[in-house]
Amino acid sequence: MLSVSGWSPFCHQLAMALPGAPTTNKQVLDKYLQLEQPDDGIMAEYVWIDGTGEGIRSKCKTLNAEPKSPKDCPVWNFDGSSTYQAEGSNSDMYLYPVALFRDPFRRGKNKLVLCEVYKYNKKPAETNRRKTCAEAMEKAKDTHPWFGIEQEYTLLDYDGHPFGWPKNGFPGPQGPYYCGVGANKVYGRDVVEAHYRACLYSGIKIAGCNAEVMPAQWEFQVGPCEGIEMGDHLWVARYILHRVAEEFGVVVTLDPKPMEGDWNGAGAHCNYSTQAMRGPGGVAEIEKAIEKLSKHHVRHIKAYDPREGKDNERRLTGFHETSSIHDFSAGVANRGASIRIPRQVSEDGCGYLEDRRPASNCDPYSVTEVGGGTAGQNLILISVTLHTDLGDMKLELYCEQCPRACENFLALCASGYYDGCIFHRNVPGFMVQTGDPTGKGKGGDSIWGGYFEDEFRESLKHATRGIVSMANNGLDSNGSQFFITYSKQPHLDMKYTIFGRLIDGFETLDSLEKVPVNPQNYRPETEIRIRSVTIHANPLAV
């Protein structure tokens, strides 16, 4: 069996068999790895998530002593223009160490250092989902949220063909491969075994592994982990997987549907529980959590792959042990549901739920933040529906983060203030604005008769389509007008108060964006109005 840092005949034969695959002599490398390493020369491999939201990058730094915690590792930097995270004219990005693991490749006192990425202005990078996830987990810490993620992946030859598959055909139909044994049923077990041992050595909370339904597809499980630890451990486990596969000359893909046709896709099923769910009678808490999850299906789908659901569209078809991407469902032992309650949990009356929707290339920070955050929250969910000439749009409000903006908005909704308001400014690709009863874009008062102050939050970003923010004329000049974004608009962050997001009715927003406008002032050529507003929960409005 291959050792973690060794080179087996199998690996050499594989690399030689791959046309164009670069090869090196691992036996020569081993001679140098055996050299004595000084105590004041510790190799720390800094690991981070790049601008794609799914790619992993790393580089090495020498430390003069063995770090015992992330705080012992200095902040570092890198060229963000080469990782899809910055422009060449302002390319330096910062790496903030947040988690420390033993290095299974260099061994000894050497470390893997997981980092958060920050921009030149010391604000989180767009793909730094860890910061807001950590904030959410801190709020939920009294519920003791546990997570476990089942990471599926597929092994490919260097040419992109599934490893072990016939070059001019396909293997036999699915059936004998899941948890299979034998050279004609499983492909690439050496990679899997090496990865497992490397994770154990590093301190990753790896729980198991198995061959999956499609040949050359595998799964490993990480957990249970509490809070932010889930994302930290899974990202480093992914890094180790890519590094191990690199030594074998094999490519790992986390594509949710690597092969079209009658083949299973790849997911990252997330198991979740709180202390109350795990206790006696916890199944009642599980059912409450599922009810909360059912109200946020669209929002969660957007968070469960790096392309806001586009990747999962290929996988969540209602076939091959998946639910439909368009519908929320739940059931006991049902692998065709969005949420599965394991049969043992149903029989025991307590335990956990399994969210089967996350894609294999999901960001676990996003999954645990929005999924666990929704299922475990005890806050009253406040939402409103704008009934417009083109259809309905349902908005979730951030009353806890922005109480003044939400109090103002809800009170105006309750009083009928917005009834009849037109969407007076509509900039395709940017945003649509409304909330001025005069229809001119210069009017509108708050419930206090004048302006009210901004409520900027580092955790709230104009990071996607459907963000709802107050319009203003400068600092602390909020009144009644608001806008909804058509796309990510990071230049608006910390300049406009975000107080909600669109959670349903994206097709209405799509229709709004297509309305013809005057190119001089972006006023719609046809007036589109808010007919009325329905408040679904309203403890703030008077």
Foldseek 3Di string as FASTA:
>chain_A
DDALQGADPLLVVQQVPFPPRDDDDSVVVVVVLPDDDDQQWAKEKEKEQFPLLQDIDIDIDTGGHQDPFLVSDDKDWDFNCVRVFDNPVQGIKIWRFDGWWAFSNSGDSHIYTYTFIAGPVRAGTLSRLLVLQLVLLVVLVVQFKWKKKKFKWAKAAPVLHGAPADPVDGQDAFDQQWQHDDPSREGDVVLVVSLVVRLVRTVFQKDAKITHRGHRMIITMGDRDTGSSNLVRVVVSVVSSQVSCVSSNMHMDLQQDSDDDNDAGTFIKMKMDTPCQADALNVVLVVQLLVLCQLQLQVLCLQQASNGNPSLCRHQCLPRQHEHSVHAAEDEPRSSHQKYDDPVCVVRNGDIIIGGRHGSSGRVSSNCSVSVSRSSDPDDWKKKWFQKPLGIWIKTWQCVQDVVVVLQQLQCQVVFVQAFWWQFAADAQFKTKIFAPVSPPPDAATPVRFFAFARADSSDALAFFFFKWFDADWGRGGGGMIMTTHTGDRVCHPTTHTTIGTRDDVVSVVVSSPADADVVGRGGPDTMGRNHMGIPDDPRHD
